[in-house]
Amino acid sequence: MNPIPVRVMVLDTWDEVRLQLTPTALVTDLKTRALEAARVRRPADQYLVKFRGAEVAEGPQTLAEAGVVANAGLIVLARARTPVR
């Protein structure tokens, strides 16, 4: 299967990461790769993925099942807000 390009905004670092993933890739794989590319050190389970304004269920869901198409924009953000000091 041919990889599709996706854009992922990682809000912790305000970095837009461009990835090439197959439609059969898991949403959790996308999240992990985006966090690594943005050099985020917190565990991936502390983050969620949003697509078209809604949280994407992770588990065994693939990008194709989530409706992600080529050049789609996704957001990875912390599940809980980080307090500002």
PDB file of N, CA and C in Angstrom:
ATOM      1  N   MET A   1       0.844  -1.177   0.000  1.00  0.00           N
ATOM      2  CA  MET A   1       0.000   0.000   0.000  1.00  0.00           C
ATOM      3  C   MET A   1       0.895   1.247   0.000  1.00  0.00           C
ATOM      4  N   ASN A   2       0.534   2.235  -0.788  1.00  0.00           N
ATOM      5  CA  ASN A   2       1.335   3.455  -0.899  1.00  0.00           C
ATOM      6  C   ASN A   2       1.142   4.347   0.320  1.00  0.00           C
ATOM      7  N   PRO A   3       2.230   4.937   0.821  1.00  0.00           N
ATOM      8  CA  PRO A   3       2.097   5.859   1.958  1.00  0.00           C
ATOM      9  C   PRO A   3       1.398   7.146   1.542  1.00  0.00           C
ATOM     10  N   ILE A   4       0.730   7.742   2.495  1.00  0.00           N
ATOM     11  CA  ILE A   4       0.083   9.033   2.259  1.00  0.00           C
ATOM     12  C   ILE A   4       0.770  10.086   3.140  1.00  0.00           C
ATOM     13  N   PRO A   5       0.900  11.304   2.634  1.00  0.00           N
ATOM     14  CA  PRO A   5       1.487  12.365   3.455  1.00  0.00           C
ATOM     15  C   PRO A   5       0.424  12.939   4.401  1.00  0.00           C
ATOM     16  N   VAL A   6       0.818  13.190   5.640  1.00  0.00           N
ATOM     17  CA  VAL A   6      -0.057  13.852   6.609  1.00  0.00           C
ATOM     18  C   VAL A   6       0.745  14.926   7.341  1.00  0.00           C
ATOM     19  N   ARG A   7       0.037  15.949   7.813  1.00  0.00           N
ATOM     20  CA  ARG A   7       0.653  17.021   8.590  1.00  0.00           C
ATOM     21  C   ARG A   7       0.128  16.910  10.012  1.00  0.00           C
ATOM     22  N   VAL A   8       1.027  16.937  10.978  1.00  0.00           N
ATOM     23  CA  VAL A   8       0.624  16.803  12.379  1.00  0.00           C
ATOM     24  C   VAL A   8       1.180  17.988  13.161  1.00  0.00           C
ATOM     25  N   MET A   9       0.297  18.764  13.770  1.00  0.00           N
ATOM     26  CA  MET A   9       0.708  19.875  14.625  1.00  0.00           C
ATOM     27  C   MET A   9       0.839  19.345  16.046  1.00  0.00           C
ATOM     28  N   VAL A  10       2.029  19.440  16.609  1.00  0.00           N
ATOM     29  CA  VAL A  10       2.281  19.021  17.988  1.00  0.00           C
ATOM     30  C   VAL A  10       2.243  20.289  18.831  1.00  0.00           C
ATOM     31  N   LEU A  11       1.179  20.446  19.609  1.00  0.00           N
ATOM     32  CA  LEU A  11       0.973  21.708  20.319  1.00  0.00           C
ATOM     33  C   LEU A  11       1.988  22.000  21.409  1.00  0.00           C
ATOM     34  N   ASP A  12       2.577  20.985  22.026  1.00  0.00           N
ATOM     35  CA  ASP A  12       3.577  21.244  23.073  1.00  0.00           C
ATOM     36  C   ASP A  12       4.750  22.062  22.552  1.00  0.00           C
ATOM     37  N   THR A  13       5.110  21.840  21.302  1.00  0.00           N
ATOM     38  CA  THR A  13       6.274  22.522  20.731  1.00  0.00           C
ATOM     39  C   THR A  13       5.899  23.471  19.599  1.00  0.00           C
ATOM     40  N   TRP A  14       4.631  23.501  19.214  1.00  0.00           N
ATOM     41  CA  TRP A  14       4.154  24.303  18.083  1.00  0.00           C
ATOM     42  C   TRP A  14       4.916  23.962  16.808  1.00  0.00           C
ATOM     43  N   ASP A  15       5.233  22.683  16.653  1.00  0.00           N
ATOM     44  CA  ASP A  15       5.912  22.193  15.449  1.00  0.00           C
ATOM     45  C   ASP A  15       4.912  21.467  14.567  1.00  0.00           C
ATOM     46  N   GLU A  16       5.000  21.735  13.268  1.00  0.00           N
ATOM     47  CA  GLU A  16       4.223  20.948  12.318  1.00  0.00           C
ATOM     48  C   GLU A  16       5.144  19.873  11.756  1.00  0.00           C
ATOM     49  N   VAL A  17       4.762  18.636  11.960  1.00  0.00           N
ATOM     50  CA  VAL A  17       5.562  17.497  11.529  1.00  0.00           C
ATOM     51  C   VAL A  17       4.893  16.900  10.295  1.00  0.00           C
ATOM     52  N   ARG A  18       5.678  16.642   9.280  1.00  0.00           N
ATOM     53  CA  ARG A  18       5.165  15.992   8.069  1.00  0.00           C
ATOM     54  C   ARG A  18       5.612  14.539   8.084  1.00  0.00           C
ATOM     55  N   LEU A  19       4.627  13.649   7.952  1.00  0.00           N
ATOM     56  CA  LEU A  19       4.904  12.216   7.987  1.00  0.00           C
ATOM     57  C   LEU A  19       4.354  11.537   6.741  1.00  0.00           C
ATOM     58  N   GLN A  20       4.963  10.435   6.374  1.00  0.00           N
ATOM     59  CA  GLN A  20       4.474   9.568   5.301  1.00  0.00           C
ATOM     60  C   GLN A  20       4.074   8.251   5.968  1.00  0.00           C
ATOM     61  N   LEU A  21       2.790   7.950   5.974  1.00  0.00           N
ATOM     62  CA  LEU A  21       2.297   6.737   6.627  1.00  0.00           C
ATOM     63  C   LEU A  21       1.340   6.006   5.700  1.00  0.00           C
ATOM     64  N   THR A  22       1.288   4.698   5.838  1.00  0.00           N
ATOM     65  CA  THR A  22       0.318   3.944   5.047  1.00  0.00           C
ATOM     66  C   THR A  22      -1.063   4.106   5.682  1.00  0.00           C
ATOM     67  N   PRO A  23      -2.119   3.975   4.896  1.00  0.00           N
ATOM     68  CA  PRO A  23      -3.474   4.060   5.458  1.00  0.00           C
ATOM     69  C   PRO A  23      -3.745   2.994   6.515  1.00  0.00           C
ATOM     70  N   THR A  24      -2.949   1.920   6.521  1.00  0.00           N
ATOM     71  CA  THR A  24      -3.144   0.859   7.509  1.00  0.00           C
ATOM     72  C   THR A  24      -2.360   1.098   8.798  1.00  0.00           C
ATOM     73  N   ALA A  25      -1.610   2.205   8.865  1.00  0.00           N
ATOM     74  CA  ALA A  25      -0.870   2.540  10.085  1.00  0.00           C
ATOM     75  C   ALA A  25      -1.859   2.874  11.198  1.00  0.00           C
ATOM     76  N   LEU A  26      -1.515   2.525  12.413  1.00  0.00           N
ATOM     77  CA  LEU A  26      -2.383   2.806  13.554  1.00  0.00           C
ATOM     78  C   LEU A  26      -2.272   4.274  13.958  1.00  0.00           C
ATOM     79  N   VAL A  27      -3.347   4.798  14.508  1.00  0.00           N
ATOM     80  CA  VAL A  27      -3.353   6.174  15.001  1.00  0.00           C
ATOM     81  C   VAL A  27      -2.295   6.342  16.090  1.00  0.00           C
ATOM     82  N   THR A  28      -2.105   5.333  16.917  1.00  0.00           N
ATOM     83  CA  THR A  28      -1.083   5.416  17.969  1.00  0.00           C
ATOM     84  C   THR A  28       0.319   5.526  17.371  1.00  0.00           C
ATOM     85  N   ASP A  29       0.558   4.882  16.222  1.00  0.00           N
ATOM     86  CA  ASP A  29       1.854   5.001  15.556  1.00  0.00           C
ATOM     87  C   ASP A  29       2.078   6.429  15.076  1.00  0.00           C
ATOM     88  N   LEU A  30       1.053   7.039  14.514  1.00  0.00           N
ATOM     89  CA  LEU A  30       1.140   8.434  14.069  1.00  0.00           C
ATOM     90  C   LEU A  30       1.501   9.336  15.245  1.00  0.00           C
ATOM     91  N   LYS A  31       0.804   9.155  16.367  1.00  0.00           N
ATOM     92  CA  LYS A  31       1.045   9.984  17.543  1.00  0.00           C
ATOM     93  C   LYS A  31       2.472   9.817  18.050  1.00  0.00           C
ATOM     94  N   THR A  32       2.922   8.583  18.157  1.00  0.00           N
ATOM     95  CA  THR A  32       4.271   8.311  18.648  1.00  0.00           C
ATOM     96  C   THR A  32       5.327   8.917  17.735  1.00  0.00           C
ATOM     97  N   ARG A  33       5.181   8.737  16.443  1.00  0.00           N
ATOM     98  CA  ARG A  33       6.160   9.274  15.495  1.00  0.00           C
ATOM     99  C   ARG A  33       6.169  10.800  15.505  1.00  0.00           C
ATOM    100  N   ALA A  34       4.998  11.424  15.621  1.00  0.00           N
ATOM    101  CA  ALA A  34       4.927  12.886  15.655  1.00  0.00           C
ATOM    102  C   ALA A  34       5.594  13.432  16.916  1.00  0.00           C
ATOM    103  N   LEU A  35       5.361  12.793  18.056  1.00  0.00           N
ATOM    104  CA  LEU A  35       5.974  13.242  19.302  1.00  0.00           C
ATOM    105  C   LEU A  35       7.489  13.078  19.262  1.00  0.00           C
ATOM    106  N   GLU A  36       7.963  11.983  18.682  1.00  0.00           N
ATOM    107  CA  GLU A  36       9.405  11.770  18.555  1.00  0.00           C
ATOM    108  C   GLU A  36      10.027  12.825  17.644  1.00  0.00           C
ATOM    109  N   ALA A  37       9.376  13.112  16.527  1.00  0.00           N
ATOM    110  CA  ALA A  37       9.898  14.098  15.580  1.00  0.00           C
ATOM    111  C   ALA A  37       9.949  15.495  16.197  1.00  0.00           C
ATOM    112  N   ALA A  38       9.002  15.796  17.087  1.00  0.00           N
ATOM    113  CA  ALA A  38       8.964  17.098  17.752  1.00  0.00           C
ATOM    114  C   ALA A  38       9.813  17.118  19.018  1.00  0.00           C
ATOM    115  N   ARG A  39      10.463  16.004  19.323  1.00  0.00           N
ATOM    116  CA  ARG A  39      11.345  15.861  20.484  1.00  0.00           C
ATOM    117  C   ARG A  39      10.628  16.063  21.823  1.00  0.00           C
ATOM    118  N   VAL A  40       9.395  15.586  21.902  1.00  0.00           N
ATOM    119  CA  VAL A  40       8.631  15.644  23.145  1.00  0.00           C
ATOM    120  C   VAL A  40       9.046  14.450  23.990  1.00  0.00           C
ATOM    121  N   ARG A  41       9.342  14.667  25.246  1.00  0.00           N
ATOM    122  CA  ARG A  41       9.862  13.605  26.116  1.00  0.00           C
ATOM    123  C   ARG A  41       8.815  12.953  27.002  1.00  0.00           C
ATOM    124  N   ARG A  42       7.649  13.565  27.146  1.00  0.00           N
ATOM    125  CA  ARG A  42       6.602  12.967  27.980  1.00  0.00           C
ATOM    126  C   ARG A  42       6.053  11.711  27.308  1.00  0.00           C
ATOM    127  N   PRO A  43       5.512  10.768  28.085  1.00  0.00           N
ATOM    128  CA  PRO A  43       4.964   9.534  27.509  1.00  0.00           C
ATOM    129  C   PRO A  43       3.813   9.811  26.530  1.00  0.00           C
ATOM    130  N   ALA A  44       3.756   9.037  25.468  1.00  0.00           N
ATOM    131  CA  ALA A  44       2.739   9.224  24.431  1.00  0.00           C
ATOM    132  C   ALA A  44       1.324   9.033  24.957  1.00  0.00           C
ATOM    133  N   ASP A  45       1.148   8.230  26.015  1.00  0.00           N
ATOM    134  CA  ASP A  45      -0.204   8.010  26.529  1.00  0.00           C
ATOM    135  C   ASP A  45      -0.786   9.239  27.219  1.00  0.00           C
ATOM    136  N   GLN A  46       0.030  10.274  27.416  1.00  0.00           N
ATOM    137  CA  GLN A  46      -0.456  11.531  27.991  1.00  0.00           C
ATOM    138  C   GLN A  46      -0.976  12.490  26.920  1.00  0.00           C
ATOM    139  N   TYR A  47      -1.037  12.024  25.678  1.00  0.00           N
ATOM    140  CA  TYR A  47      -1.465  12.859  24.550  1.00  0.00           C
ATOM    141  C   TYR A  47      -2.631  12.211  23.819  1.00  0.00           C
ATOM    142  N   LEU A  48      -3.383  13.031  23.100  1.00  0.00           N
ATOM    143  CA  LEU A  48      -4.470  12.541  22.262  1.00  0.00           C
ATOM    144  C   LEU A  48      -4.316  13.127  20.866  1.00  0.00           C
ATOM    145  N   VAL A  49      -5.021  12.526  19.914  1.00  0.00           N
ATOM    146  CA  VAL A  49      -4.969  12.959  18.522  1.00  0.00           C
ATOM    147  C   VAL A  49      -6.340  13.499  18.142  1.00  0.00           C
ATOM    148  N   LYS A  50      -6.348  14.652  17.464  1.00  0.00           N
ATOM    149  CA  LYS A  50      -7.598  15.222  16.962  1.00  0.00           C
ATOM    150  C   LYS A  50      -7.535  15.336  15.449  1.00  0.00           C
ATOM    151  N   PHE A  51      -8.669  15.070  14.821  1.00  0.00           N
ATOM    152  CA  PHE A  51      -8.810  15.188  13.370  1.00  0.00           C
ATOM    153  C   PHE A  51     -10.174  15.793  13.104  1.00  0.00           C
ATOM    154  N   ARG A  52     -10.183  16.888  12.360  1.00  0.00           N
ATOM    155  CA  ARG A  52     -11.427  17.621  12.056  1.00  0.00           C
ATOM    156  C   ARG A  52     -12.158  18.020  13.329  1.00  0.00           C
ATOM    157  N   GLY A  53     -11.394  18.396  14.355  1.00  0.00           N
ATOM    158  CA  GLY A  53     -11.967  18.919  15.588  1.00  0.00           C
ATOM    159  C   GLY A  53     -12.395  17.889  16.618  1.00  0.00           C
ATOM    160  N   ALA A  54     -12.342  16.621  16.267  1.00  0.00           N
ATOM    161  CA  ALA A  54     -12.790  15.581  17.196  1.00  0.00           C
ATOM    162  C   ALA A  54     -11.629  14.665  17.571  1.00  0.00           C
ATOM    163  N   GLU A  55     -11.697  14.149  18.791  1.00  0.00           N
ATOM    164  CA  GLU A  55     -10.668  13.201  19.222  1.00  0.00           C
ATOM    165  C   GLU A  55     -10.809  11.906  18.429  1.00  0.00           C
ATOM    166  N   VAL A  56      -9.674  11.377  18.002  1.00  0.00           N
ATOM    167  CA  VAL A  56      -9.651  10.123  17.256  1.00  0.00           C
ATOM    168  C   VAL A  56      -9.383   8.993  18.242  1.00  0.00           C
ATOM    169  N   ALA A  57     -10.256   7.991  18.221  1.00  0.00           N
ATOM    170  CA  ALA A  57     -10.043   6.822  19.086  1.00  0.00           C
ATOM    171  C   ALA A  57      -8.780   6.118  18.629  1.00  0.00           C
ATOM    172  N   GLU A  58      -7.963   5.707  19.573  1.00  0.00           N
ATOM    173  CA  GLU A  58      -6.704   5.072  19.208  1.00  0.00           C
ATOM    174  C   GLU A  58      -6.895   3.562  19.128  1.00  0.00           C
ATOM    175  N   GLY A  59      -6.502   2.832  20.133  1.00  0.00           N
ATOM    176  CA  GLY A  59      -6.663   1.382  20.099  1.00  0.00           C
ATOM    177  C   GLY A  59      -6.200   0.791  18.787  1.00  0.00           C
ATOM    178  N   PRO A  60      -6.988  -0.120  18.219  1.00  0.00           N
ATOM    179  CA  PRO A  60      -6.585  -0.766  16.967  1.00  0.00           C
ATOM    180  C   PRO A  60      -7.034  -0.010  15.714  1.00  0.00           C
ATOM    181  N   GLN A  61      -7.473   1.235  15.846  1.00  0.00           N
ATOM    182  CA  GLN A  61      -7.994   1.992  14.696  1.00  0.00           C
ATOM    183  C   GLN A  61      -6.863   2.453  13.771  1.00  0.00           C
ATOM    184  N   THR A  62      -7.065   2.245  12.470  1.00  0.00           N
ATOM    185  CA  THR A  62      -6.083   2.665  11.479  1.00  0.00           C
ATOM    186  C   THR A  62      -6.424   4.068  10.980  1.00  0.00           C
ATOM    187  N   LEU A  63      -5.481   4.666  10.262  1.00  0.00           N
ATOM    188  CA  LEU A  63      -5.729   5.987   9.684  1.00  0.00           C
ATOM    189  C   LEU A  63      -6.902   5.937   8.709  1.00  0.00           C
ATOM    190  N   ALA A  64      -6.967   4.900   7.896  1.00  0.00           N
ATOM    191  CA  ALA A  64      -8.071   4.773   6.933  1.00  0.00           C
ATOM    192  C   ALA A  64      -9.416   4.683   7.659  1.00  0.00           C
ATOM    193  N   GLU A  65      -9.479   3.922   8.729  1.00  0.00           N
ATOM    194  CA  GLU A  65     -10.725   3.794   9.498  1.00  0.00           C
ATOM    195  C   GLU A  65     -11.131   5.118  10.136  1.00  0.00           C
ATOM    196  N   ALA A  66     -10.145   5.959  10.465  1.00  0.00           N
ATOM    197  CA  ALA A  66     -10.429   7.261  11.063  1.00  0.00           C
ATOM    198  C   ALA A  66     -10.806   8.298  10.002  1.00  0.00           C
ATOM    199  N   GLY A  67     -10.683   7.930   8.733  1.00  0.00           N
ATOM    200  CA  GLY A  67     -11.046   8.847   7.653  1.00  0.00           C
ATOM    201  C   GLY A  67      -9.933   9.781   7.234  1.00  0.00           C
ATOM    202  N   VAL A  68      -8.714   9.503   7.661  1.00  0.00           N
ATOM    203  CA  VAL A  68      -7.569  10.358   7.326  1.00  0.00           C
ATOM    204  C   VAL A  68      -7.188  10.118   5.868  1.00  0.00           C
ATOM    205  N   VAL A  69      -7.090  11.219   5.113  1.00  0.00           N
ATOM    206  CA  VAL A  69      -6.736  11.160   3.692  1.00  0.00           C
ATOM    207  C   VAL A  69      -5.404  11.863   3.468  1.00  0.00           C
ATOM    208  N   ALA A  70      -4.895  11.802   2.263  1.00  0.00           N
ATOM    209  CA  ALA A  70      -3.619  12.439   1.924  1.00  0.00           C
ATOM    210  C   ALA A  70      -3.669  13.930   2.242  1.00  0.00           C
ATOM    211  N   ASN A  71      -2.586  14.434   2.811  1.00  0.00           N
ATOM    212  CA  ASN A  71      -2.401  15.843   3.182  1.00  0.00           C
ATOM    213  C   ASN A  71      -3.355  16.320   4.277  1.00  0.00           C
ATOM    214  N   ALA A  72      -3.916  15.395   5.027  1.00  0.00           N
ATOM    215  CA  ALA A  72      -4.804  15.763   6.130  1.00  0.00           C
ATOM    216  C   ALA A  72      -3.998  16.435   7.237  1.00  0.00           C
ATOM    217  N   GLY A  73      -4.655  17.309   7.972  1.00  0.00           N
ATOM    218  CA  GLY A  73      -4.038  17.971   9.116  1.00  0.00           C
ATOM    219  C   GLY A  73      -4.578  17.393  10.411  1.00  0.00           C
ATOM    220  N   LEU A  74      -3.683  16.944  11.268  1.00  0.00           N
ATOM    221  CA  LEU A  74      -4.072  16.398  12.570  1.00  0.00           C
ATOM    222  C   LEU A  74      -3.376  17.191  13.657  1.00  0.00           C
ATOM    223  N   ILE A  75      -3.868  17.063  14.878  1.00  0.00           N
ATOM    224  CA  ILE A  75      -3.284  17.760  16.017  1.00  0.00           C
ATOM    225  C   ILE A  75      -3.001  16.746  17.114  1.00  0.00           C
ATOM    226  N   VAL A  76      -1.824  16.844  17.718  1.00  0.00           N
ATOM    227  CA  VAL A  76      -1.485  16.041  18.889  1.00  0.00           C
ATOM    228  C   VAL A  76      -1.339  17.008  20.050  1.00  0.00           C
ATOM    229  N   LEU A  77      -2.145  16.808  21.093  1.00  0.00           N
ATOM    230  CA  LEU A  77      -2.090  17.699  22.254  1.00  0.00           C
ATOM    231  C   LEU A  77      -2.217  16.915  23.550  1.00  0.00           C
ATOM    232  N   ALA A  78      -1.811  17.532  24.617  1.00  0.00           N
ATOM    233  CA  ALA A  78      -1.826  16.886  25.929  1.00  0.00           C
ATOM    234  C   ALA A  78      -3.261  16.606  26.358  1.00  0.00           C
ATOM    235  N   ARG A  79      -3.473  15.455  26.989  1.00  0.00           N
ATOM    236  CA  ARG A  79      -4.810  15.103  27.500  1.00  0.00           C
ATOM    237  C   ARG A  79      -5.236  16.055  28.620  1.00  0.00           C
ATOM    238  N   ALA A  80      -4.294  16.455  29.447  1.00  0.00           N
ATOM    239  CA  ALA A  80      -4.586  17.377  30.555  1.00  0.00           C
ATOM    240  C   ALA A  80      -3.749  18.633  30.365  1.00  0.00           C
ATOM    241  N   ARG A  81      -4.305  19.734  30.742  1.00  0.00           N
ATOM    242  CA  ARG A  81      -3.585  20.986  30.619  1.00  0.00           C
ATOM    243  C   ARG A  81      -2.392  21.019  31.564  1.00  0.00           C
ATOM    244  N   THR A  82      -1.315  21.617  31.105  1.00  0.00           N
ATOM    245  CA  THR A  82      -0.131  21.810  31.934  1.00  0.00           C
ATOM    246  C   THR A  82      -0.257  23.149  32.640  1.00  0.00           C
ATOM    247  N   PRO A  83      -0.156  23.183  33.972  1.00  0.00           N
ATOM    248  CA  PRO A  83      -0.282  24.458  34.658  1.00  0.00           C
ATOM    249  C   PRO A  83       0.867  25.401  34.305  1.00  0.00           C
ATOM    250  N   VAL A  84       0.540  26.673  34.189  1.00  0.00           N
ATOM    251  CA  VAL A  84       1.539  27.689  33.883  1.00  0.00           C
ATOM    252  C   VAL A  84       1.979  28.325  35.181  1.00  0.00           C
ATOM    253  N   ARG A  85       3.279  28.508  35.347  1.00  0.00           N
ATOM    254  CA  ARG A  85       3.796  29.106  36.582  1.00  0.00           C
ATOM    255  C   ARG A  85       4.211  30.517  36.344  1.00  0.00           C
TER     256      ARG A  85
END
